[in-house]
Protein backbone atom coordinates (compact mmCIF):
# COMPACT_ATOMS: atom_id res chain seq x y z
CA UNK A 1 -2.43 -23.93 -47.19
CA UNK A 2 -0.25 -21.28 -45.90
CA UNK A 3 -1.12 -17.63 -46.97
CA UNK A 4 1.98 -15.57 -47.01
CA UNK A 5 0.96 -12.15 -48.50
CA UNK A 6 -2.16 -10.21 -48.85
CA UNK A 7 -1.83 -7.42 -51.58
CA UNK A 8 -2.94 -5.84 -54.73
CA UNK A 9 -2.11 -4.83 -58.32
CA UNK A 10 -2.02 -1.07 -58.93
CA UNK A 11 -2.20 1.20 -61.91
CA UNK A 12 1.22 1.47 -63.84
CA UNK A 13 1.78 -2.31 -63.26
CA UNK A 14 2.90 -1.73 -59.57
CA UNK A 15 1.98 -4.28 -56.92
CA UNK A 16 2.14 -4.16 -53.05
CA UNK A 17 1.71 -6.79 -50.52
CA UNK A 18 1.72 -7.31 -46.67
CA UNK A 19 2.98 -10.38 -44.93
CA UNK A 20 0.63 -12.29 -42.96
CA UNK A 21 0.81 -14.08 -39.73
CA UNK A 22 2.98 -13.39 -36.70
CA UNK A 23 6.33 -11.73 -37.81
CA UNK A 24 5.25 -12.42 -41.37
CA UNK A 25 5.45 -16.28 -41.03
CA UNK A 26 2.14 -16.80 -42.97
CA UNK A 27 -1.15 -17.64 -41.94
CA UNK A 28 -2.09 -21.37 -42.04
CA UNK A 29 -5.53 -22.27 -43.30
CA UNK A 30 -7.20 -25.52 -42.55
CA UNK A 31 -9.81 -27.38 -44.85
CA UNK A 32 -12.85 -25.23 -43.57
CA UNK A 33 -11.05 -22.14 -42.71
CA UNK A 34 -11.30 -18.92 -44.59
CA UNK A 35 -9.39 -15.48 -44.84
CA UNK A 36 -11.33 -12.13 -44.59
CA UNK A 37 -10.10 -8.77 -44.89
CA UNK A 38 -12.26 -5.55 -45.09
CA UNK A 39 -10.93 -2.61 -47.06
CA UNK A 40 -12.43 0.79 -46.71
CA UNK A 41 -12.21 3.68 -49.08
CA UNK A 42 -9.80 5.61 -46.62
CA UNK A 43 -7.57 2.61 -46.27
CA UNK A 44 -3.95 3.29 -47.12
CA UNK A 45 -4.21 0.06 -49.48
CA UNK A 46 -6.24 1.98 -51.91
CA UNK A 47 -3.30 4.05 -53.14
CA UNK A 48 0.28 3.30 -53.43
CA UNK A 49 3.22 5.55 -52.45
CA UNK A 50 3.39 6.86 -56.10
CA UNK A 51 -0.25 7.87 -56.16
CA UNK A 52 -1.31 4.90 -58.31
CA UNK A 53 -4.79 3.44 -57.38
CA UNK A 54 -5.54 -0.20 -56.51
CA UNK A 55 -6.95 -2.18 -59.36
CA UNK A 56 -7.50 -5.64 -57.98
CA UNK A 57 -6.75 -7.68 -54.70
CA UNK A 58 -4.95 -11.04 -54.21
CA UNK A 59 -3.42 -13.45 -51.72
CA UNK A 60 -0.22 -15.27 -52.25
CA UNK A 61 0.56 -18.72 -50.77
CA UNK A 62 3.91 -20.09 -49.50
CA UNK A 63 4.72 -21.48 -52.99
CA UNK A 64 4.40 -18.00 -54.57
CA UNK A 65 1.04 -18.70 -56.28
CA UNK A 66 -1.44 -15.73 -56.27
CA UNK A 67 -5.02 -16.10 -55.92
CA UNK A 68 -7.04 -13.10 -57.15
CA UNK A 69 -10.34 -12.40 -55.27
CA UNK A 70 -13.43 -12.85 -57.52
CA UNK A 71 -14.82 -9.72 -58.82
CA UNK A 72 -12.20 -7.78 -57.02
CA UNK A 73 -11.67 -5.44 -59.93
CA UNK A 74 -15.33 -4.40 -59.96
CA UNK A 75 -15.53 -4.18 -56.20
CA UNK A 76 -12.47 -1.90 -55.79
CA UNK A 77 -13.66 0.21 -58.66
CA UNK A 78 -17.11 0.65 -56.83
CA UNK A 79 -15.16 1.32 -53.59
CA UNK A 80 -13.01 4.10 -55.00
CA UNK A 81 -15.87 5.86 -56.84
CA UNK A 82 -17.72 5.99 -53.49
């Protein structure tokens, strides 16, 4: 599997993503590989440029399919509430 984007859904139906891998070419994951990303409350990903807060987190593969992180809505809410 090739992960192409790491991103999130924001309030107001906005979404933002960051291309993964060298020069945005994607990140190839083998059968037993995993992707890990830490988001802190002061991370710029927590709010978009319009001031909308992050709601949930996902990755997108090279076919355009999005995979939402389990319980990301609850985890993001907890993170933003401090």
